[in-house]
């Protein structure tokens, strides 16, 4: 979800990061060095209760896979979770070793039986290649979280067409099934970009950072409420909904795939967002993603959301 941040944007962001960090540190409890990481976040509320998997005898789904390969974009790479404009895979919700990630919750040896093939800036068109790399490791579970960059473009007209999005996702699933017919697939929904704008539009720091070029289709001119701006945001929101409908439909037709709509439904607040861009998940937010994935993967039956 890094978007098209140019070198000029990098220079401006580095020049302002000291100010942004100083102010936002007073507003956020999440940082790479404090206690607001994914593990502590996972220990709060009902989401922290890990169900004891007890599948029916005839269930083909294994709630305790012994290896994981994770695909996707900057979210799964932990971008901006630890330092500005850098990946932090050790903080990844899926395979991170320094947070209570999905791999740490499920695997006896996460460092040797999990692989992170996600790439910052990736769109759905990049997923088939990631899948081809992943199947070489023969993982028992593949996780996918991708799609925000398909909607976060410089202009609405540049968003990935729904038919292309579907074709690349279907190709990826076919690639998995040809190579590993018994491997399971967890597919997270695309996060709600419009809810992010709604939550942050009254935050001066968030708006300042967004103006540097983060997800322009949704977050450009965050205060603008003219008809053209409202229509632009509505088109992005509609396209995200169409992407999620594709993910759910394709996954529904694969008996070893589970689609998780809760990611789109989750309201990431200041504690769960990076203090550097107010867009990518912080370590706390990465922990919430791990909560949702763990709940879906270990459930006796898929949520169907």
C-alpha atoms as a PDB file:
ATOM      1  CA  UNK A   1       0.000   0.000   0.000  1.00  0.00           C
ATOM      2  CA  UNK A   2       2.978   2.272  -0.320  1.00  0.00           C
ATOM      3  CA  UNK A   3       1.534   3.833  -3.479  1.00  0.00           C
ATOM      4  CA  UNK A   4       3.504   6.064  -5.818  1.00  0.00           C
ATOM      5  CA  UNK A   5       5.616   8.056  -3.360  1.00  0.00           C
ATOM      6  CA  UNK A   6       8.229   9.856  -5.470  1.00  0.00           C
ATOM      7  CA  UNK A   7      11.751  10.830  -4.574  1.00  0.00           C
ATOM      8  CA  UNK A   8      10.507  14.336  -3.981  1.00  0.00           C
ATOM      9  CA  UNK A   9       7.933  12.977  -1.549  1.00  0.00           C
ATOM     10  CA  UNK A  10      10.658  11.012   0.220  1.00  0.00           C
ATOM     11  CA  UNK A  11      12.664  14.205   0.700  1.00  0.00           C
ATOM     12  CA  UNK A  12       9.707  16.123   2.043  1.00  0.00           C
ATOM     13  CA  UNK A  13       8.693  13.288   4.318  1.00  0.00           C
ATOM     14  CA  UNK A  14      12.167  12.936   5.769  1.00  0.00           C
ATOM     15  CA  UNK A  15      12.214  16.675   6.369  1.00  0.00           C
ATOM     16  CA  UNK A  16       8.961  16.600   8.242  1.00  0.00           C
ATOM     17  CA  UNK A  17       9.238  13.262   9.994  1.00  0.00           C
ATOM     18  CA  UNK A  18      10.886  14.784  13.083  1.00  0.00           C
ATOM     19  CA  UNK A  19       7.959  17.129  13.595  1.00  0.00           C
ATOM     20  CA  UNK A  20       5.360  14.516  12.783  1.00  0.00           C
ATOM     21  CA  UNK A  21       6.983  11.948  15.046  1.00  0.00           C
ATOM     22  CA  UNK A  22       7.260  14.345  17.966  1.00  0.00           C
ATOM     23  CA  UNK A  23       3.626  15.352  17.822  1.00  0.00           C
ATOM     24  CA  UNK A  24       2.228  11.948  16.976  1.00  0.00           C
ATOM     25  CA  UNK A  25       4.216  10.277  19.727  1.00  0.00           C
ATOM     26  CA  UNK A  26       2.126  12.212  22.194  1.00  0.00           C
ATOM     27  CA  UNK A  27      -1.032  10.954  20.539  1.00  0.00           C
ATOM     28  CA  UNK A  28      -0.102   7.344  19.963  1.00  0.00           C
ATOM     29  CA  UNK A  29       0.897   4.601  22.345  1.00  0.00           C
ATOM     30  CA  UNK A  30       2.224   2.426  19.553  1.00  0.00           C
ATOM     31  CA  UNK A  31       5.882   2.411  18.518  1.00  0.00           C
ATOM     32  CA  UNK A  32       8.530  -0.142  17.712  1.00  0.00           C
ATOM     33  CA  UNK A  33      10.119   0.149  21.126  1.00  0.00           C
ATOM     34  CA  UNK A  34       7.170   0.589  23.473  1.00  0.00           C
ATOM     35  CA  UNK A  35       4.666  -1.860  24.860  1.00  0.00           C
ATOM     36  CA  UNK A  36       1.981  -1.165  22.252  1.00  0.00           C
ATOM     37  CA  UNK A  37       3.014  -3.974  19.970  1.00  0.00           C
ATOM     38  CA  UNK A  38       0.924  -6.658  18.383  1.00  0.00           C
ATOM     39  CA  UNK A  39       1.464  -9.039  21.250  1.00  0.00           C
ATOM     40  CA  UNK A  40       0.137  -6.672  23.884  1.00  0.00           C
ATOM     41  CA  UNK A  41      -2.675  -5.622  21.588  1.00  0.00           C
ATOM     42  CA  UNK A  42      -3.604  -9.237  21.083  1.00  0.00           C
ATOM     43  CA  UNK A  43      -3.956  -9.634  24.820  1.00  0.00           C
ATOM     44  CA  UNK A  44      -6.865  -7.233  25.070  1.00  0.00           C
ATOM     45  CA  UNK A  45     -10.512  -8.099  24.713  1.00  0.00           C
ATOM     46  CA  UNK A  46     -12.227 -11.081  23.211  1.00  0.00           C
ATOM     47  CA  UNK A  47      -9.871 -11.154  20.220  1.00  0.00           C
ATOM     48  CA  UNK A  48      -7.097 -12.388  22.516  1.00  0.00           C
ATOM     49  CA  UNK A  49      -8.914 -15.637  23.351  1.00  0.00           C
ATOM     50  CA  UNK A  50      -7.507 -18.308  21.111  1.00  0.00           C
ATOM     51  CA  UNK A  51     -10.080 -21.001  20.384  1.00  0.00           C
ATOM     52  CA  UNK A  52      -9.074 -24.612  20.707  1.00  0.00           C
ATOM     53  CA  UNK A  53      -9.403 -26.041  17.201  1.00  0.00           C
ATOM     54  CA  UNK A  54     -11.768 -29.003  17.110  1.00  0.00           C
ATOM     55  CA  UNK A  55     -12.722 -29.713  13.493  1.00  0.00           C
ATOM     56  CA  UNK A  56     -15.315 -32.287  12.653  1.00  0.00           C
ATOM     57  CA  UNK A  57     -13.903 -35.708  11.672  1.00  0.00           C
ATOM     58  CA  UNK A  58     -14.905 -35.201   8.055  1.00  0.00           C
ATOM     59  CA  UNK A  59     -13.482 -31.680   7.732  1.00  0.00           C
ATOM     60  CA  UNK A  60     -10.758 -31.261   5.110  1.00  0.00           C
ATOM     61  CA  UNK A  61      -9.538 -28.066   6.756  1.00  0.00           C
ATOM     62  CA  UNK A  62      -6.590 -28.427   9.114  1.00  0.00           C
ATOM     63  CA  UNK A  63      -6.623 -25.693  11.802  1.00  0.00           C
ATOM     64  CA  UNK A  64      -2.996 -26.431  12.647  1.00  0.00           C
ATOM     65  CA  UNK A  65      -0.916 -26.172   9.464  1.00  0.00           C
ATOM     66  CA  UNK A  66       2.785 -26.745  10.012  1.00  0.00           C
ATOM     67  CA  UNK A  67       4.163 -24.282   7.472  1.00  0.00           C
ATOM     68  CA  UNK A  68       3.047 -20.906   6.077  1.00  0.00           C
ATOM     69  CA  UNK A  69       3.889 -18.837   3.021  1.00  0.00           C
ATOM     70  CA  UNK A  70       2.529 -15.293   3.001  1.00  0.00           C
ATOM     71  CA  UNK A  71       1.876 -13.212  -0.111  1.00  0.00           C
ATOM     72  CA  UNK A  72       0.746  -9.650  -0.671  1.00  0.00           C
ATOM     73  CA  UNK A  73       1.910  -6.066  -0.398  1.00  0.00           C
ATOM     74  CA  UNK A  74       3.460  -3.650   2.084  1.00  0.00           C
ATOM     75  CA  UNK A  75       1.048  -4.572   4.870  1.00  0.00           C
ATOM     76  CA  UNK A  76       2.472  -8.082   5.020  1.00  0.00           C
ATOM     77  CA  UNK A  77       5.991  -6.646   4.747  1.00  0.00           C
ATOM     78  CA  UNK A  78       5.373  -4.516   7.847  1.00  0.00           C
ATOM     79  CA  UNK A  79       6.112  -1.302   5.964  1.00  0.00           C
ATOM     80  CA  UNK A  80       6.375   1.763   8.244  1.00  0.00           C
ATOM     81  CA  UNK A  81       5.717  -0.381  11.314  1.00  0.00           C
ATOM     82  CA  UNK A  82       9.194   0.145  12.793  1.00  0.00           C
ATOM     83  CA  UNK A  83      10.837   3.034  10.937  1.00  0.00           C
ATOM     84  CA  UNK A  84       9.959   5.525   8.252  1.00  0.00           C
ATOM     85  CA  UNK A  85       9.780   4.339   4.637  1.00  0.00           C
ATOM     86  CA  UNK A  86      11.192   0.896   5.420  1.00  0.00           C
ATOM     87  CA  UNK A  87       9.890  -2.652   5.437  1.00  0.00           C
ATOM     88  CA  UNK A  88       9.870  -4.384   8.813  1.00  0.00           C
ATOM     89  CA  UNK A  89       9.042  -8.043   8.086  1.00  0.00           C
ATOM     90  CA  UNK A  90       9.810  -8.995  11.665  1.00  0.00           C
ATOM     91  CA  UNK A  91       6.659  -7.037  12.573  1.00  0.00           C
ATOM     92  CA  UNK A  92       4.485  -8.718   9.937  1.00  0.00           C
ATOM     93  CA  UNK A  93       1.089 -10.013  11.077  1.00  0.00           C
ATOM     94  CA  UNK A  94       1.718 -13.175   9.068  1.00  0.00           C
ATOM     95  CA  UNK A  95       5.317 -14.254   9.589  1.00  0.00           C
ATOM     96  CA  UNK A  96       6.851 -11.751  11.998  1.00  0.00           C
ATOM     97  CA  UNK A  97       9.245 -13.017  14.659  1.00  0.00           C
ATOM     98  CA  UNK A  98       9.091 -10.002  16.987  1.00  0.00           C
ATOM     99  CA  UNK A  99       5.312  -9.781  17.248  1.00  0.00           C
ATOM    100  CA  UNK A 100       2.679 -12.367  18.101  1.00  0.00           C
ATOM    101  CA  UNK A 101       2.211 -13.178  14.433  1.00  0.00           C
ATOM    102  CA  UNK A 102       0.159 -15.910  12.837  1.00  0.00           C
ATOM    103  CA  UNK A 103       3.306 -17.979  12.327  1.00  0.00           C
ATOM    104  CA  UNK A 104       4.276 -17.698  15.989  1.00  0.00           C
ATOM    105  CA  UNK A 105       0.793 -18.710  17.085  1.00  0.00           C
ATOM    106  CA  UNK A 106       0.505 -21.724  14.793  1.00  0.00           C
ATOM    107  CA  UNK A 107       3.979 -23.091  14.129  1.00  0.00           C
ATOM    108  CA  UNK A 108       6.429 -24.851  16.448  1.00  0.00           C
ATOM    109  CA  UNK A 109       9.368 -23.365  14.505  1.00  0.00           C
ATOM    110  CA  UNK A 110       8.156 -20.206  12.734  1.00  0.00           C
ATOM    111  CA  UNK A 111      11.638 -19.047  11.743  1.00  0.00           C
ATOM    112  CA  UNK A 112      12.260 -22.185   9.678  1.00  0.00           C
ATOM    113  CA  UNK A 113       8.756 -23.037   8.469  1.00  0.00           C
ATOM    114  CA  UNK A 114       7.354 -19.693   7.326  1.00  0.00           C
ATOM    115  CA  UNK A 115       8.211 -17.535   4.317  1.00  0.00           C
ATOM    116  CA  UNK A 116       7.257 -13.983   3.405  1.00  0.00           C
ATOM    117  CA  UNK A 117       7.001 -13.423  -0.359  1.00  0.00           C
ATOM    118  CA  UNK A 118       5.023 -10.180  -0.123  1.00  0.00           C
ATOM    119  CA  UNK A 119       6.450  -7.066  -1.751  1.00  0.00           C
ATOM    120  CA  UNK A 120       5.854  -3.424  -0.946  1.00  0.00           C
ATOM    121  CA  UNK A 121       3.920  -1.777  -3.765  1.00  0.00           C
ATOM    122  CA  UNK A 122       2.529  -5.063  -5.088  1.00  0.00           C
ATOM    123  CA  UNK A 123      -0.836  -5.239  -6.817  1.00  0.00           C
ATOM    124  CA  UNK A 124      -2.949  -8.232  -7.755  1.00  0.00           C
ATOM    125  CA  UNK A 125      -1.032  -8.538 -11.035  1.00  0.00           C
ATOM    126  CA  UNK A 126       2.043  -9.468  -8.961  1.00  0.00           C
ATOM    127  CA  UNK A 127       0.318 -12.280  -7.084  1.00  0.00           C
ATOM    128  CA  UNK A 128       0.822 -15.078  -9.664  1.00  0.00           C
ATOM    129  CA  UNK A 129       4.608 -14.633  -9.514  1.00  0.00           C
ATOM    130  CA  UNK A 130       4.538 -14.569  -5.721  1.00  0.00           C
ATOM    131  CA  UNK A 131       2.486 -17.755  -5.747  1.00  0.00           C
ATOM    132  CA  UNK A 132       4.936 -19.491  -8.077  1.00  0.00           C
ATOM    133  CA  UNK A 133       7.751 -18.634  -5.673  1.00  0.00           C
ATOM    134  CA  UNK A 134       5.726 -19.753  -2.656  1.00  0.00           C
ATOM    135  CA  UNK A 135       4.794 -23.208  -3.934  1.00  0.00           C
ATOM    136  CA  UNK A 136       8.481 -24.082  -4.211  1.00  0.00           C
ATOM    137  CA  UNK A 137       8.519 -24.228  -0.394  1.00  0.00           C
ATOM    138  CA  UNK A 138       5.488 -26.569  -0.308  1.00  0.00           C
ATOM    139  CA  UNK A 139       3.648 -24.650   2.448  1.00  0.00           C
ATOM    140  CA  UNK A 140       0.597 -26.208   4.060  1.00  0.00           C
ATOM    141  CA  UNK A 141      -1.022 -22.769   4.330  1.00  0.00           C
ATOM    142  CA  UNK A 142      -0.770 -19.768   2.012  1.00  0.00           C
ATOM    143  CA  UNK A 143      -2.013 -16.369   3.163  1.00  0.00           C
ATOM    144  CA  UNK A 144      -2.973 -13.545   0.806  1.00  0.00           C
ATOM    145  CA  UNK A 145      -3.580  -9.879   1.620  1.00  0.00           C
ATOM    146  CA  UNK A 146      -3.435  -7.704  -1.490  1.00  0.00           C
ATOM    147  CA  UNK A 147      -5.608  -5.237  -3.370  1.00  0.00           C
ATOM    148  CA  UNK A 148      -5.248  -1.842  -1.725  1.00  0.00           C
ATOM    149  CA  UNK A 149      -2.615  -0.733  -4.238  1.00  0.00           C
ATOM    150  CA  UNK A 150      -5.006  -1.645  -7.047  1.00  0.00           C
ATOM    151  CA  UNK A 151      -7.358   1.043  -5.725  1.00  0.00           C
ATOM    152  CA  UNK A 152      -4.723   3.489  -4.436  1.00  0.00           C
ATOM    153  CA  UNK A 153      -3.613   5.102  -7.682  1.00  0.00           C
ATOM    154  CA  UNK A 154      -2.930   8.637  -8.841  1.00  0.00           C
ATOM    155  CA  UNK A 155      -6.261   8.771 -10.643  1.00  0.00           C
ATOM    156  CA  UNK A 156      -9.488   6.813 -10.412  1.00  0.00           C
ATOM    157  CA  UNK A 157      -9.127   5.796 -14.064  1.00  0.00           C
ATOM    158  CA  UNK A 158      -5.859   4.019 -13.205  1.00  0.00           C
ATOM    159  CA  UNK A 159      -7.467   1.617 -10.729  1.00  0.00           C
ATOM    160  CA  UNK A 160      -7.148  -2.032 -11.733  1.00  0.00           C
ATOM    161  CA  UNK A 161     -10.201  -3.165 -13.720  1.00  0.00           C
ATOM    162  CA  UNK A 162     -12.263  -5.736 -11.856  1.00  0.00           C
ATOM    163  CA  UNK A 163     -11.951  -8.312 -14.662  1.00  0.00           C
ATOM    164  CA  UNK A 164      -8.156  -8.062 -14.565  1.00  0.00           C
ATOM    165  CA  UNK A 165      -8.193  -8.329 -10.784  1.00  0.00           C
ATOM    166  CA  UNK A 166     -10.271 -11.498 -11.047  1.00  0.00           C
ATOM    167  CA  UNK A 167      -8.136 -13.034 -13.777  1.00  0.00           C
ATOM    168  CA  UNK A 168      -4.916 -12.592 -11.801  1.00  0.00           C
ATOM    169  CA  UNK A 169      -6.431 -13.929  -8.595  1.00  0.00           C
ATOM    170  CA  UNK A 170      -7.900 -16.961 -10.346  1.00  0.00           C
ATOM    171  CA  UNK A 171      -4.552 -17.578 -12.019  1.00  0.00           C
ATOM    172  CA  UNK A 172      -2.848 -17.509  -8.624  1.00  0.00           C
ATOM    173  CA  UNK A 173      -5.292 -19.979  -7.105  1.00  0.00           C
ATOM    174  CA  UNK A 174      -4.893 -22.250 -10.134  1.00  0.00           C
ATOM    175  CA  UNK A 175      -1.119 -22.071  -9.712  1.00  0.00           C
ATOM    176  CA  UNK A 176      -1.476 -23.207  -6.094  1.00  0.00           C
ATOM    177  CA  UNK A 177      -3.875 -26.009  -6.902  1.00  0.00           C
ATOM    178  CA  UNK A 178      -1.747 -27.400  -9.723  1.00  0.00           C
ATOM    179  CA  UNK A 179       1.336 -27.552  -7.541  1.00  0.00           C
ATOM    180  CA  UNK A 180      -0.163 -28.191  -4.094  1.00  0.00           C
ATOM    181  CA  UNK A 181      -3.728 -29.514  -4.289  1.00  0.00           C
ATOM    182  CA  UNK A 182      -3.910 -30.102  -0.524  1.00  0.00           C
ATOM    183  CA  UNK A 183      -2.509 -26.775   0.667  1.00  0.00           C
ATOM    184  CA  UNK A 184      -4.914 -24.361   2.338  1.00  0.00           C
ATOM    185  CA  UNK A 185      -5.505 -20.748   1.390  1.00  0.00           C
ATOM    186  CA  UNK A 186      -6.438 -17.860   3.695  1.00  0.00           C
ATOM    187  CA  UNK A 187      -7.562 -14.714   1.874  1.00  0.00           C
ATOM    188  CA  UNK A 188      -7.950 -11.448   3.767  1.00  0.00           C
ATOM    189  CA  UNK A 189     -10.318  -8.816   2.430  1.00  0.00           C
ATOM    190  CA  UNK A 190      -9.034  -5.456   1.186  1.00  0.00           C
ATOM    191  CA  UNK A 191      -9.138  -2.918   4.050  1.00  0.00           C
ATOM    192  CA  UNK A 192     -11.790  -0.204   4.047  1.00  0.00           C
ATOM    193  CA  UNK A 193     -10.028   2.836   2.583  1.00  0.00           C
ATOM    194  CA  UNK A 194     -13.018   5.122   2.943  1.00  0.00           C
ATOM    195  CA  UNK A 195     -13.344   4.336   6.636  1.00  0.00           C
ATOM    196  CA  UNK A 196      -9.676   5.262   6.981  1.00  0.00           C
ATOM    197  CA  UNK A 197     -10.381   8.662   5.406  1.00  0.00           C
ATOM    198  CA  UNK A 198     -13.420   9.152   7.639  1.00  0.00           C
ATOM    199  CA  UNK A 199     -11.409   8.324  10.755  1.00  0.00           C
ATOM    200  CA  UNK A 200      -8.426  10.495   9.933  1.00  0.00           C
ATOM    201  CA  UNK A 201      -9.889  13.510   8.179  1.00  0.00           C
ATOM    202  CA  UNK A 202     -10.187  15.406  11.458  1.00  0.00           C
ATOM    203  CA  UNK A 203      -6.588  14.657  12.455  1.00  0.00           C
ATOM    204  CA  UNK A 204      -4.225  17.431  11.338  1.00  0.00           C
ATOM    205  CA  UNK A 205      -1.129  15.226  11.409  1.00  0.00           C
ATOM    206  CA  UNK A 206      -2.740  12.496   9.343  1.00  0.00           C
ATOM    207  CA  UNK A 207      -3.917  15.015   6.761  1.00  0.00           C
ATOM    208  CA  UNK A 208      -0.475  16.582   6.527  1.00  0.00           C
ATOM    209  CA  UNK A 209       1.150  13.233   5.810  1.00  0.00           C
ATOM    210  CA  UNK A 210      -1.559  12.119   3.397  1.00  0.00           C
ATOM    211  CA  UNK A 211      -0.962  15.228   1.285  1.00  0.00           C
ATOM    212  CA  UNK A 212       2.512  13.901   0.500  1.00  0.00           C
ATOM    213  CA  UNK A 213       0.972  11.391  -1.889  1.00  0.00           C
ATOM    214  CA  UNK A 214      -0.401   8.442   0.095  1.00  0.00           C
ATOM    215  CA  UNK A 215      -3.318   6.706  -1.658  1.00  0.00           C
ATOM    216  CA  UNK A 216      -4.243   9.787  -3.721  1.00  0.00           C
ATOM    217  CA  UNK A 217      -7.492   8.395  -5.090  1.00  0.00           C
ATOM    218  CA  UNK A 218      -8.971   8.258  -1.597  1.00  0.00           C
ATOM    219  CA  UNK A 219      -6.869  10.559   0.579  1.00  0.00           C
ATOM    220  CA  UNK A 220      -5.990  13.453  -1.703  1.00  0.00           C
ATOM    221  CA  UNK A 221      -7.535  16.754  -0.521  1.00  0.00           C
ATOM    222  CA  UNK A 222      -8.932  15.129   2.621  1.00  0.00           C
ATOM    223  CA  UNK A 223     -10.972  18.201   3.572  1.00  0.00           C
ATOM    224  CA  UNK A 224     -12.586  18.607   0.157  1.00  0.00           C
ATOM    225  CA  UNK A 225     -16.311  17.864   0.087  1.00  0.00           C
ATOM    226  CA  UNK A 226     -17.193  19.185  -3.352  1.00  0.00           C
ATOM    227  CA  UNK A 227     -19.187  16.874  -5.651  1.00  0.00           C
ATOM    228  CA  UNK A 228     -16.117  15.808  -7.651  1.00  0.00           C
ATOM    229  CA  UNK A 229     -14.179  14.801  -4.509  1.00  0.00           C
ATOM    230  CA  UNK A 230     -17.154  12.948  -3.068  1.00  0.00           C
ATOM    231  CA  UNK A 231     -17.633  11.098  -6.343  1.00  0.00           C
ATOM    232  CA  UNK A 232     -13.934  10.191  -6.490  1.00  0.00           C
ATOM    233  CA  UNK A 233     -14.048   8.640  -3.033  1.00  0.00           C
ATOM    234  CA  UNK A 234     -17.293   6.852  -3.820  1.00  0.00           C
ATOM    235  CA  UNK A 235     -15.726   5.268  -6.901  1.00  0.00           C
ATOM    236  CA  UNK A 236     -12.748   4.029  -4.898  1.00  0.00           C
ATOM    237  CA  UNK A 237     -15.022   2.633  -2.205  1.00  0.00           C
ATOM    238  CA  UNK A 238     -17.138   0.878  -4.833  1.00  0.00           C
ATOM    239  CA  UNK A 239     -14.075  -0.631  -6.479  1.00  0.00           C
ATOM    240  CA  UNK A 240     -12.756  -1.964  -3.171  1.00  0.00           C
ATOM    241  CA  UNK A 241     -16.160  -3.598  -2.645  1.00  0.00           C
ATOM    242  CA  UNK A 242     -15.925  -5.168  -6.093  1.00  0.00           C
ATOM    243  CA  UNK A 243     -12.447  -6.479  -5.369  1.00  0.00           C
ATOM    244  CA  UNK A 244     -13.664  -8.088  -2.166  1.00  0.00           C
ATOM    245  CA  UNK A 245     -16.609  -9.634  -3.987  1.00  0.00           C
ATOM    246  CA  UNK A 246     -14.125 -11.239  -6.394  1.00  0.00           C
ATOM    247  CA  UNK A 247     -11.957 -12.568  -3.565  1.00  0.00           C
ATOM    248  CA  UNK A 248     -14.969 -14.030  -1.798  1.00  0.00           C
ATOM    249  CA  UNK A 249     -16.421 -15.593  -4.946  1.00  0.00           C
ATOM    250  CA  UNK A 250     -13.209 -17.235  -6.132  1.00  0.00           C
ATOM    251  CA  UNK A 251     -12.421 -18.461  -2.626  1.00  0.00           C
ATOM    252  CA  UNK A 252     -15.936 -19.853  -2.189  1.00  0.00           C
ATOM    253  CA  UNK A 253     -15.383 -22.184  -5.137  1.00  0.00           C
ATOM    254  CA  UNK A 254     -12.252 -23.702  -3.579  1.00  0.00           C
ATOM    255  CA  UNK A 255     -12.949 -26.095  -0.709  1.00  0.00           C
ATOM    256  CA  UNK A 256      -9.581 -25.352   0.899  1.00  0.00           C
ATOM    257  CA  UNK A 257      -9.904 -21.573   0.823  1.00  0.00           C
ATOM    258  CA  UNK A 258     -11.237 -19.284   3.547  1.00  0.00           C
ATOM    259  CA  UNK A 259     -12.095 -15.655   2.851  1.00  0.00           C
ATOM    260  CA  UNK A 260     -11.991 -13.263   5.808  1.00  0.00           C
ATOM    261  CA  UNK A 261     -14.257 -10.233   5.499  1.00  0.00           C
ATOM    262  CA  UNK A 262     -13.384  -8.988   8.978  1.00  0.00           C
ATOM    263  CA  UNK A 263     -10.269  -7.173   7.746  1.00  0.00           C
ATOM    264  CA  UNK A 264     -12.417  -4.857   5.634  1.00  0.00           C
ATOM    265  CA  UNK A 265     -14.815  -4.464   8.532  1.00  0.00           C
ATOM    266  CA  UNK A 266     -12.160  -3.551  11.097  1.00  0.00           C
ATOM    267  CA  UNK A 267     -11.879   0.092  12.125  1.00  0.00           C
ATOM    268  CA  UNK A 268      -8.152   0.800  12.447  1.00  0.00           C
ATOM    269  CA  UNK A 269      -7.689   3.756  14.794  1.00  0.00           C
ATOM    270  CA  UNK A 270      -4.662   5.839  15.753  1.00  0.00           C
ATOM    271  CA  UNK A 271      -3.167   3.087  17.891  1.00  0.00           C
ATOM    272  CA  UNK A 272      -3.280   0.619  15.023  1.00  0.00           C
ATOM    273  CA  UNK A 273      -1.841   2.948  12.348  1.00  0.00           C
ATOM    274  CA  UNK A 274       1.779   3.837  11.672  1.00  0.00           C
ATOM    275  CA  UNK A 275       2.776   7.123  13.261  1.00  0.00           C
ATOM    276  CA  UNK A 276       4.760   7.896  10.098  1.00  0.00           C
ATOM    277  CA  UNK A 277       2.039   7.632   7.479  1.00  0.00           C
ATOM    278  CA  UNK A 278      -1.302   7.066   9.261  1.00  0.00           C
ATOM    279  CA  UNK A 279      -2.087   4.466   6.633  1.00  0.00           C
ATOM    280  CA  UNK A 280      -0.134   1.239   7.141  1.00  0.00           C
ATOM    281  CA  UNK A 281      -0.719  -0.822  10.293  1.00  0.00           C
ATOM    282  CA  UNK A 282       1.527  -0.167  13.271  1.00  0.00           C
ATOM    283  CA  UNK A 283       2.844  -3.094  15.289  1.00  0.00           C
ATOM    284  CA  UNK A 284      -0.380  -2.900  17.265  1.00  0.00           C
ATOM    285  CA  UNK A 285      -2.382  -2.976  14.034  1.00  0.00           C
ATOM    286  CA  UNK A 286      -0.342  -5.901  12.762  1.00  0.00           C
ATOM    287  CA  UNK A 287      -1.345  -7.736  15.917  1.00  0.00           C
ATOM    288  CA  UNK A 288      -5.008  -7.107  15.203  1.00  0.00           C
ATOM    289  CA  UNK A 289      -4.575  -8.568  11.717  1.00  0.00           C
ATOM    290  CA  UNK A 290      -2.957 -11.626  13.299  1.00  0.00           C
ATOM    291  CA  UNK A 291      -5.926 -11.918  15.677  1.00  0.00           C
ATOM    292  CA  UNK A 292      -8.393 -11.967  12.802  1.00  0.00           C
ATOM    293  CA  UNK A 293      -6.405 -14.435  10.715  1.00  0.00           C
ATOM    294  CA  UNK A 294      -5.863 -16.800  13.651  1.00  0.00           C
ATOM    295  CA  UNK A 295      -9.549 -16.753  14.519  1.00  0.00           C
ATOM    296  CA  UNK A 296     -10.587 -17.595  10.951  1.00  0.00           C
ATOM    297  CA  UNK A 297      -7.938 -20.263  10.373  1.00  0.00           C
ATOM    298  CA  UNK A 298      -8.570 -22.119  13.627  1.00  0.00           C
ATOM    299  CA  UNK A 299     -12.367 -21.937  13.456  1.00  0.00           C
ATOM    300  CA  UNK A 300     -14.295 -25.186  13.085  1.00  0.00           C
ATOM    301  CA  UNK A 301     -16.224 -23.643  10.193  1.00  0.00           C
ATOM    302  CA  UNK A 302     -15.410 -20.645   7.988  1.00  0.00           C
ATOM    303  CA  UNK A 303     -17.092 -17.403   8.938  1.00  0.00           C
ATOM    304  CA  UNK A 304     -18.542 -16.911   5.482  1.00  0.00           C
ATOM    305  CA  UNK A 305     -18.187 -13.132   5.844  1.00  0.00           C
END
